[in-house]
Amino acid sequence: MELTVQNAEFALQEAGKSNPGPWVDHSRYACVSLRTLTRYWKISGGNLGKALD
């Protein structure tokens, strides 16, 4: 299976059905945060502190 946002969301939904709880939303928020930080990392050329100033 190719790693895509759609596949990750599908896997998260399936796991949430068999084991519901607040961890599902937490995982979504963590993913969004990671995407945001990755964008800043790329913009900054690897100097995240500089990008967030």
C-alpha atoms as a PDB file:
ATOM      1  CA  MET A   1       0.000   0.000   0.000  1.00  0.00           C
ATOM      2  CA  GLU A   2       1.323   3.423  -0.967  1.00  0.00           C
ATOM      3  CA  LEU A   3       1.700   5.914   1.873  1.00  0.00           C
ATOM      4  CA  THR A   4      -0.711   8.780   1.182  1.00  0.00           C
ATOM      5  CA  VAL A   5      -2.855  11.078   3.288  1.00  0.00           C
ATOM      6  CA  GLN A   6      -5.947   9.247   2.039  1.00  0.00           C
ATOM      7  CA  ASN A   7      -4.560   5.831   2.995  1.00  0.00           C
ATOM      8  CA  ALA A   8      -3.496   7.104   6.398  1.00  0.00           C
ATOM      9  CA  GLU A   9      -6.949   8.582   7.033  1.00  0.00           C
ATOM     10  CA  PHE A  10      -8.598   5.319   5.978  1.00  0.00           C
ATOM     11  CA  ALA A  11      -6.336   3.293   8.280  1.00  0.00           C
ATOM     12  CA  LEU A  12      -7.040   5.710  11.136  1.00  0.00           C
ATOM     13  CA  GLN A  13     -10.803   5.421  10.614  1.00  0.00           C
ATOM     14  CA  GLU A  14     -10.615   1.628  10.570  1.00  0.00           C
ATOM     15  CA  ALA A  15      -8.508   1.544  13.734  1.00  0.00           C
ATOM     16  CA  GLY A  16     -10.884   4.015  15.384  1.00  0.00           C
ATOM     17  CA  LYS A  17     -13.829   1.700  14.696  1.00  0.00           C
ATOM     18  CA  SER A  18     -12.207  -1.216  16.496  1.00  0.00           C
ATOM     19  CA  ASN A  19     -10.659   0.897  19.272  1.00  0.00           C
ATOM     20  CA  PRO A  20     -12.539   4.198  19.611  1.00  0.00           C
ATOM     21  CA  GLY A  21     -11.236   6.978  21.784  1.00  0.00           C
ATOM     22  CA  PRO A  22      -9.668  10.414  21.900  1.00  0.00           C
ATOM     23  CA  TRP A  23      -6.423   9.079  20.407  1.00  0.00           C
ATOM     24  CA  VAL A  24      -8.028   9.216  16.938  1.00  0.00           C
ATOM     25  CA  ASP A  25      -8.458  13.010  16.970  1.00  0.00           C
ATOM     26  CA  HIS A  26      -5.090  13.413  18.675  1.00  0.00           C
ATOM     27  CA  SER A  27      -3.465  11.480  15.825  1.00  0.00           C
ATOM     28  CA  ARG A  28      -5.095  13.790  13.273  1.00  0.00           C
ATOM     29  CA  TYR A  29      -3.874  16.909  15.104  1.00  0.00           C
ATOM     30  CA  ALA A  30      -0.370  15.434  15.368  1.00  0.00           C
ATOM     31  CA  CYS A  31      -0.364  14.809  11.621  1.00  0.00           C
ATOM     32  CA  VAL A  32      -1.433  18.372  10.830  1.00  0.00           C
ATOM     33  CA  SER A  33       1.272  19.716  13.149  1.00  0.00           C
ATOM     34  CA  LEU A  34       3.910  17.569  11.496  1.00  0.00           C
ATOM     35  CA  ARG A  35       2.877  18.760   8.037  1.00  0.00           C
ATOM     36  CA  THR A  36       3.080  22.390   9.194  1.00  0.00           C
ATOM     37  CA  LEU A  37       6.524  21.915  10.733  1.00  0.00           C
ATOM     38  CA  THR A  38       7.741  20.115   7.602  1.00  0.00           C
ATOM     39  CA  ARG A  39       6.677  23.056   5.441  1.00  0.00           C
ATOM     40  CA  TYR A  40       8.519  25.499   7.693  1.00  0.00           C
ATOM     41  CA  TRP A  41      11.566  23.206   7.669  1.00  0.00           C
ATOM     42  CA  LYS A  42      11.647  23.209   3.873  1.00  0.00           C
ATOM     43  CA  ILE A  43      11.160  26.999   3.685  1.00  0.00           C
ATOM     44  CA  SER A  44      13.941  27.597   6.184  1.00  0.00           C
ATOM     45  CA  GLY A  45      16.457  25.370   4.435  1.00  0.00           C
ATOM     46  CA  GLY A  46      16.772  23.204   7.528  1.00  0.00           C
ATOM     47  CA  ASN A  47      16.927  26.011  10.105  1.00  0.00           C
ATOM     48  CA  LEU A  48      13.550  25.726  11.801  1.00  0.00           C
ATOM     49  CA  GLY A  49      14.400  28.283  14.488  1.00  0.00           C
ATOM     50  CA  LYS A  50      15.058  30.884  11.807  1.00  0.00           C
ATOM     51  CA  ALA A  51      11.795  30.077   9.999  1.00  0.00           C
ATOM     52  CA  LEU A  52       9.732  30.529  13.166  1.00  0.00           C
ATOM     53  CA  ASP A  53      11.263  33.911  14.107  1.00  0.00           C
END
